[in-house]
Amino acid sequence: MSIFDQILGQISSNVDIKNLAEKVGIDPTMVESAIAGLAAGHAAPTDTVETAAANTGIDAGILQQIVGHIGGEGSLGNFASMLSQHPDAANMLGGLLGGGKDGENPLGNLGGLASGLFKS
């Protein structure tokens, strides 16, 4: 079970990466990237879905469906908060979002949007 599945299970029953992927018609890896982008976008001062779409390249309509399936903005906020407390989350998200090379921002394309989200 992935970190995302564990956290999703705590905020919303019957929601996991595989089920979300089937519901919105995309690959589970893409769902993980979408959720990472949404969590980081939630910390940004701009619209969560628009920010995530711009930074992940995933269609805003698909992202909006994912937000709905996990319980809306409130659940997304809970997810982002729980993710920020997980010790492996920053490294995992860095890999999903294209960062993680030596000397680079571990959040890759998201730049500084989530810099406060992953501080312990």
N, C-alpha and C. Protein backbone atom coordinates (compact mmCIF):
# COMPACT_ATOMS: atom_id res chain seq x y z
N MET A 1 0.85 -1.17 0.00
CA MET A 1 0.00 0.00 0.00
C MET A 1 0.89 1.24 0.00
N SER A 2 0.60 2.19 -0.88
CA SER A 2 1.41 3.39 -0.98
C SER A 2 1.09 4.37 0.15
N ILE A 3 1.99 5.33 0.32
CA ILE A 3 1.78 6.39 1.30
C ILE A 3 0.47 7.10 1.00
N PHE A 4 0.22 7.38 -0.29
CA PHE A 4 -1.01 8.06 -0.67
C PHE A 4 -2.23 7.25 -0.28
N ASP A 5 -2.20 5.93 -0.53
CA ASP A 5 -3.33 5.08 -0.16
C ASP A 5 -3.57 5.11 1.35
N GLN A 6 -2.50 5.07 2.12
CA GLN A 6 -2.64 5.09 3.57
C GLN A 6 -3.30 6.37 4.04
N ILE A 7 -2.85 7.49 3.50
CA ILE A 7 -3.40 8.78 3.92
C ILE A 7 -4.82 8.96 3.38
N LEU A 8 -5.06 8.59 2.14
CA LEU A 8 -6.42 8.68 1.59
C LEU A 8 -7.40 7.86 2.41
N GLY A 9 -6.97 6.70 2.87
CA GLY A 9 -7.82 5.85 3.69
C GLY A 9 -8.21 6.49 5.00
N GLN A 10 -7.36 7.39 5.50
CA GLN A 10 -7.66 8.07 6.75
C GLN A 10 -8.63 9.23 6.58
N ILE A 11 -8.69 9.80 5.37
CA ILE A 11 -9.57 10.95 5.18
C ILE A 11 -10.87 10.62 4.47
N SER A 12 -10.91 9.50 3.75
CA SER A 12 -12.11 9.17 2.99
C SER A 12 -12.19 7.66 2.81
N SER A 13 -13.30 7.08 3.19
CA SER A 13 -13.44 5.63 3.06
C SER A 13 -13.64 5.25 1.60
N ASN A 14 -13.21 4.07 1.26
CA ASN A 14 -13.35 3.50 -0.08
C ASN A 14 -12.70 4.32 -1.18
N VAL A 15 -11.64 5.05 -0.87
CA VAL A 15 -10.90 5.78 -1.88
C VAL A 15 -9.45 5.32 -1.82
N ASP A 16 -8.96 4.85 -2.95
CA ASP A 16 -7.54 4.53 -3.07
C ASP A 16 -7.10 4.87 -4.48
N ILE A 17 -5.81 4.82 -4.70
CA ILE A 17 -5.24 5.24 -5.98
C ILE A 17 -5.82 4.43 -7.14
N LYS A 18 -5.87 3.13 -6.99
CA LYS A 18 -6.36 2.28 -8.08
C LYS A 18 -7.82 2.60 -8.41
N ASN A 19 -8.67 2.73 -7.39
CA ASN A 19 -10.07 3.06 -7.63
C ASN A 19 -10.24 4.44 -8.27
N LEU A 20 -9.46 5.42 -7.79
CA LEU A 20 -9.52 6.76 -8.39
C LEU A 20 -9.13 6.71 -9.86
N ALA A 21 -8.08 5.96 -10.16
CA ALA A 21 -7.63 5.83 -11.54
C ALA A 21 -8.73 5.27 -12.43
N GLU A 22 -9.42 4.24 -11.94
CA GLU A 22 -10.50 3.63 -12.71
C GLU A 22 -11.66 4.60 -12.88
N LYS A 23 -11.99 5.35 -11.83
CA LYS A 23 -13.12 6.27 -11.89
C LYS A 23 -12.90 7.41 -12.87
N VAL A 24 -11.67 7.93 -12.93
CA VAL A 24 -11.42 9.08 -13.81
C VAL A 24 -10.77 8.69 -15.14
N GLY A 25 -10.44 7.41 -15.29
CA GLY A 25 -9.94 6.90 -16.56
C GLY A 25 -8.50 7.23 -16.89
N ILE A 26 -7.65 7.27 -15.86
CA ILE A 26 -6.22 7.51 -16.10
C ILE A 26 -5.41 6.47 -15.34
N ASP A 27 -4.11 6.44 -15.61
CA ASP A 27 -3.18 5.51 -14.99
C ASP A 27 -3.00 5.84 -13.50
N PRO A 28 -2.85 4.82 -12.63
CA PRO A 28 -2.63 5.09 -11.21
C PRO A 28 -1.42 5.99 -10.92
N THR A 29 -0.37 5.87 -11.71
CA THR A 29 0.79 6.74 -11.52
C THR A 29 0.42 8.19 -11.78
N MET A 30 -0.42 8.40 -12.77
CA MET A 30 -0.88 9.75 -13.08
C MET A 30 -1.76 10.29 -11.94
N VAL A 31 -2.54 9.42 -11.32
CA VAL A 31 -3.36 9.84 -10.18
C VAL A 31 -2.45 10.29 -9.04
N GLU A 32 -1.37 9.55 -8.79
CA GLU A 32 -0.44 9.96 -7.74
C GLU A 32 0.16 11.33 -8.04
N SER A 33 0.53 11.56 -9.29
CA SER A 33 1.06 12.86 -9.68
C SER A 33 0.00 13.95 -9.52
N ALA A 34 -1.24 13.62 -9.88
CA ALA A 34 -2.34 14.58 -9.74
C ALA A 34 -2.55 14.95 -8.28
N ILE A 35 -2.56 13.95 -7.41
CA ILE A 35 -2.78 14.21 -5.99
C ILE A 35 -1.63 15.00 -5.41
N ALA A 36 -0.42 14.68 -5.81
CA ALA A 36 0.74 15.44 -5.35
C ALA A 36 0.63 16.89 -5.79
N GLY A 37 0.25 17.10 -7.05
CA GLY A 37 0.08 18.45 -7.57
C GLY A 37 -1.05 19.20 -6.87
N LEU A 38 -2.14 18.49 -6.58
CA LEU A 38 -3.26 19.11 -5.88
C LEU A 38 -2.88 19.48 -4.45
N ALA A 39 -2.15 18.59 -3.79
CA ALA A 39 -1.72 18.87 -2.41
C ALA A 39 -0.82 20.10 -2.38
N ALA A 40 0.11 20.17 -3.31
CA ALA A 40 1.00 21.33 -3.38
C ALA A 40 0.23 22.57 -3.81
N GLY A 41 -0.69 22.41 -4.75
CA GLY A 41 -1.50 23.53 -5.21
C GLY A 41 -2.40 24.09 -4.13
N HIS A 42 -2.79 23.21 -3.21
CA HIS A 42 -3.63 23.64 -2.10
C HIS A 42 -2.90 24.64 -1.21
N ALA A 43 -1.58 24.51 -1.15
CA ALA A 43 -0.77 25.42 -0.33
C ALA A 43 -0.50 26.74 -1.04
N ALA A 44 -0.79 26.82 -2.33
CA ALA A 44 -0.53 28.03 -3.11
C ALA A 44 -1.65 29.05 -2.92
N PRO A 45 -1.34 30.32 -3.10
CA PRO A 45 -2.38 31.35 -2.94
C PRO A 45 -3.35 31.42 -4.13
N THR A 46 -3.12 30.64 -5.16
CA THR A 46 -3.96 30.63 -6.36
C THR A 46 -4.95 29.47 -6.29
N ASP A 47 -5.80 29.33 -7.30
CA ASP A 47 -6.77 28.25 -7.36
C ASP A 47 -6.05 26.90 -7.38
N THR A 48 -6.46 26.01 -6.51
CA THR A 48 -5.82 24.71 -6.36
C THR A 48 -5.77 23.92 -7.66
N VAL A 49 -6.92 23.76 -8.30
CA VAL A 49 -7.00 22.94 -9.51
C VAL A 49 -6.23 23.58 -10.65
N GLU A 50 -6.39 24.88 -10.84
CA GLU A 50 -5.68 25.56 -11.93
C GLU A 50 -4.16 25.49 -11.71
N THR A 51 -3.73 25.65 -10.48
CA THR A 51 -2.30 25.57 -10.17
C THR A 51 -1.78 24.17 -10.43
N ALA A 52 -2.51 23.17 -9.97
CA ALA A 52 -2.09 21.78 -10.19
C ALA A 52 -2.07 21.44 -11.68
N ALA A 53 -3.05 21.91 -12.42
CA ALA A 53 -3.09 21.65 -13.87
C ALA A 53 -1.89 22.28 -14.56
N ALA A 54 -1.57 23.50 -14.19
CA ALA A 54 -0.44 24.19 -14.81
C ALA A 54 0.88 23.52 -14.50
N ASN A 55 1.00 22.98 -13.30
CA ASN A 55 2.27 22.40 -12.88
C ASN A 55 2.44 20.92 -13.18
N THR A 56 1.34 20.21 -13.41
CA THR A 56 1.44 18.78 -13.70
C THR A 56 1.15 18.45 -15.15
N GLY A 57 0.46 19.35 -15.86
CA GLY A 57 0.06 19.08 -17.22
C GLY A 57 -1.17 18.19 -17.32
N ILE A 58 -1.80 17.92 -16.19
CA ILE A 58 -3.01 17.09 -16.16
C ILE A 58 -4.22 18.00 -16.33
N ASP A 59 -5.16 17.57 -17.15
CA ASP A 59 -6.36 18.34 -17.44
C ASP A 59 -7.08 18.76 -16.16
N ALA A 60 -7.50 20.02 -16.10
CA ALA A 60 -8.20 20.55 -14.93
C ALA A 60 -9.49 19.80 -14.65
N GLY A 61 -10.18 19.33 -15.69
CA GLY A 61 -11.40 18.56 -15.49
C GLY A 61 -11.14 17.26 -14.74
N ILE A 62 -10.06 16.58 -15.09
CA ILE A 62 -9.69 15.34 -14.39
C ILE A 62 -9.31 15.65 -12.94
N LEU A 63 -8.54 16.72 -12.75
CA LEU A 63 -8.15 17.11 -11.40
C LEU A 63 -9.37 17.44 -10.54
N GLN A 64 -10.34 18.13 -11.14
CA GLN A 64 -11.56 18.48 -10.40
C GLN A 64 -12.32 17.22 -10.01
N GLN A 65 -12.35 16.22 -10.90
CA GLN A 65 -13.00 14.95 -10.58
C GLN A 65 -12.31 14.28 -9.39
N ILE A 66 -10.98 14.31 -9.38
CA ILE A 66 -10.22 13.70 -8.29
C ILE A 66 -10.53 14.40 -6.98
N VAL A 67 -10.56 15.73 -7.00
CA VAL A 67 -10.91 16.49 -5.78
C VAL A 67 -12.27 16.04 -5.28
N GLY A 68 -13.23 15.92 -6.18
CA GLY A 68 -14.57 15.48 -5.80
C GLY A 68 -14.58 14.08 -5.20
N HIS A 69 -13.82 13.17 -5.78
CA HIS A 69 -13.79 11.79 -5.29
C HIS A 69 -13.14 11.66 -3.92
N ILE A 70 -12.22 12.56 -3.61
CA ILE A 70 -11.58 12.44 -2.29
C ILE A 70 -12.31 13.26 -1.23
N GLY A 71 -13.39 13.94 -1.62
CA GLY A 71 -14.20 14.62 -0.62
C GLY A 71 -14.14 16.13 -0.66
N GLY A 72 -13.61 16.72 -1.72
CA GLY A 72 -13.60 18.16 -1.86
C GLY A 72 -12.35 18.83 -1.30
N GLU A 73 -12.37 20.16 -1.31
CA GLU A 73 -11.23 20.96 -0.86
C GLU A 73 -10.88 20.69 0.59
N GLY A 74 -11.88 20.47 1.44
CA GLY A 74 -11.62 20.21 2.86
C GLY A 74 -10.80 18.94 3.05
N SER A 75 -11.19 17.90 2.35
CA SER A 75 -10.44 16.64 2.44
C SER A 75 -9.06 16.79 1.83
N LEU A 76 -8.95 17.57 0.76
CA LEU A 76 -7.66 17.82 0.14
C LEU A 76 -6.75 18.55 1.12
N GLY A 77 -7.29 19.50 1.87
CA GLY A 77 -6.52 20.19 2.89
C GLY A 77 -6.04 19.24 3.97
N ASN A 78 -6.92 18.33 4.39
CA ASN A 78 -6.52 17.32 5.38
C ASN A 78 -5.42 16.42 4.83
N PHE A 79 -5.58 16.02 3.56
CA PHE A 79 -4.58 15.18 2.92
C PHE A 79 -3.23 15.89 2.87
N ALA A 80 -3.23 17.15 2.45
CA ALA A 80 -1.99 17.93 2.37
C ALA A 80 -1.33 18.06 3.73
N SER A 81 -2.14 18.29 4.74
CA SER A 81 -1.61 18.41 6.10
C SER A 81 -0.99 17.09 6.58
N MET A 82 -1.70 15.99 6.36
CA MET A 82 -1.19 14.68 6.76
C MET A 82 0.07 14.32 5.98
N LEU A 83 0.08 14.65 4.70
CA LEU A 83 1.23 14.37 3.86
C LEU A 83 2.46 15.13 4.35
N SER A 84 2.25 16.36 4.79
CA SER A 84 3.36 17.17 5.26
C SER A 84 4.00 16.59 6.52
N GLN A 85 3.25 15.77 7.24
CA GLN A 85 3.77 15.16 8.46
C GLN A 85 4.42 13.80 8.23
N HIS A 86 4.34 13.29 7.01
CA HIS A 86 4.91 11.97 6.72
C HIS A 86 6.39 12.14 6.37
N PRO A 87 7.28 11.40 7.01
CA PRO A 87 8.72 11.60 6.81
C PRO A 87 9.24 11.33 5.40
N ASP A 88 8.59 10.46 4.63
CA ASP A 88 9.06 10.14 3.29
C ASP A 88 8.34 10.92 2.19
N ALA A 89 7.38 11.75 2.56
CA ALA A 89 6.53 12.39 1.56
C ALA A 89 7.30 13.33 0.63
N ALA A 90 8.17 14.16 1.16
CA ALA A 90 8.88 15.13 0.32
C ALA A 90 9.72 14.43 -0.75
N ASN A 91 10.42 13.38 -0.37
CA ASN A 91 11.23 12.65 -1.35
C ASN A 91 10.36 11.97 -2.39
N MET A 92 9.26 11.37 -1.94
CA MET A 92 8.37 10.68 -2.87
C MET A 92 7.74 11.67 -3.84
N LEU A 93 7.28 12.81 -3.33
CA LEU A 93 6.67 13.80 -4.20
C LEU A 93 7.68 14.38 -5.17
N GLY A 94 8.90 14.57 -4.71
CA GLY A 94 9.94 15.07 -5.60
C GLY A 94 10.13 14.16 -6.79
N GLY A 95 10.12 12.86 -6.56
CA GLY A 95 10.25 11.90 -7.65
C GLY A 95 9.05 11.92 -8.59
N LEU A 96 7.86 12.05 -8.03
CA LEU A 96 6.66 12.07 -8.85
C LEU A 96 6.57 13.31 -9.72
N LEU A 97 7.10 14.42 -9.22
CA LEU A 97 6.95 15.69 -9.91
C LEU A 97 8.16 16.09 -10.71
N GLY A 98 9.14 15.19 -10.84
CA GLY A 98 10.25 15.44 -11.74
C GLY A 98 11.47 16.08 -11.12
N GLY A 99 11.49 16.24 -9.84
CA GLY A 99 12.66 16.83 -9.19
C GLY A 99 13.53 15.76 -8.59
N GLY A 100 14.35 16.13 -7.64
CA GLY A 100 15.11 15.16 -6.90
C GLY A 100 16.55 15.00 -7.32
N LYS A 101 17.04 15.67 -8.37
CA LYS A 101 18.45 15.59 -8.74
C LYS A 101 19.25 16.43 -7.76
N ASP A 102 20.51 16.08 -7.60
CA ASP A 102 21.36 16.82 -6.68
C ASP A 102 21.35 18.30 -6.98
N GLY A 103 21.12 19.09 -5.97
CA GLY A 103 21.14 20.53 -6.10
C GLY A 103 19.85 21.14 -6.63
N GLU A 104 18.88 20.32 -6.99
CA GLU A 104 17.61 20.84 -7.51
C GLU A 104 16.56 20.85 -6.42
N ASN A 105 15.56 21.64 -6.63
CA ASN A 105 14.41 21.66 -5.75
C ASN A 105 13.74 20.29 -5.81
N PRO A 106 13.52 19.61 -4.67
CA PRO A 106 12.91 18.27 -4.70
C PRO A 106 11.47 18.27 -5.19
N LEU A 107 10.85 19.43 -5.33
CA LEU A 107 9.48 19.46 -5.81
C LEU A 107 9.41 19.73 -7.30
N GLY A 108 10.55 19.70 -7.96
CA GLY A 108 10.57 19.79 -9.42
C GLY A 108 9.80 20.97 -9.96
N ASN A 109 8.82 20.70 -10.81
CA ASN A 109 8.08 21.74 -11.51
C ASN A 109 7.29 22.66 -10.60
N LEU A 110 7.04 22.27 -9.38
CA LEU A 110 6.22 23.09 -8.51
C LEU A 110 6.99 24.21 -7.86
N GLY A 111 8.30 24.25 -8.08
CA GLY A 111 9.10 25.34 -7.54
C GLY A 111 8.87 25.54 -6.07
N GLY A 112 8.61 26.74 -5.67
CA GLY A 112 8.44 27.07 -4.26
C GLY A 112 7.02 26.98 -3.76
N LEU A 113 6.07 26.54 -4.58
CA LEU A 113 4.69 26.53 -4.16
C LEU A 113 4.44 25.79 -2.86
N ALA A 114 5.14 24.70 -2.68
CA ALA A 114 4.87 23.87 -1.50
C ALA A 114 6.00 23.90 -0.51
N SER A 115 6.84 24.91 -0.55
CA SER A 115 8.03 24.91 0.30
C SER A 115 7.67 24.79 1.77
N GLY A 116 6.60 25.39 2.20
CA GLY A 116 6.20 25.30 3.61
C GLY A 116 5.46 24.03 3.94
N LEU A 117 4.97 23.35 2.93
CA LEU A 117 4.16 22.16 3.15
C LEU A 117 4.95 20.99 3.71
N PHE A 118 6.25 20.91 3.40
CA PHE A 118 7.01 19.73 3.77
C PHE A 118 8.02 19.98 4.89
N LYS A 119 7.91 21.08 5.58
CA LYS A 119 8.82 21.35 6.70
C LYS A 119 8.32 20.59 7.91
N SER A 120 9.28 20.05 8.69
CA SER A 120 8.86 19.30 9.87
C SER A 120 8.78 20.18 11.08
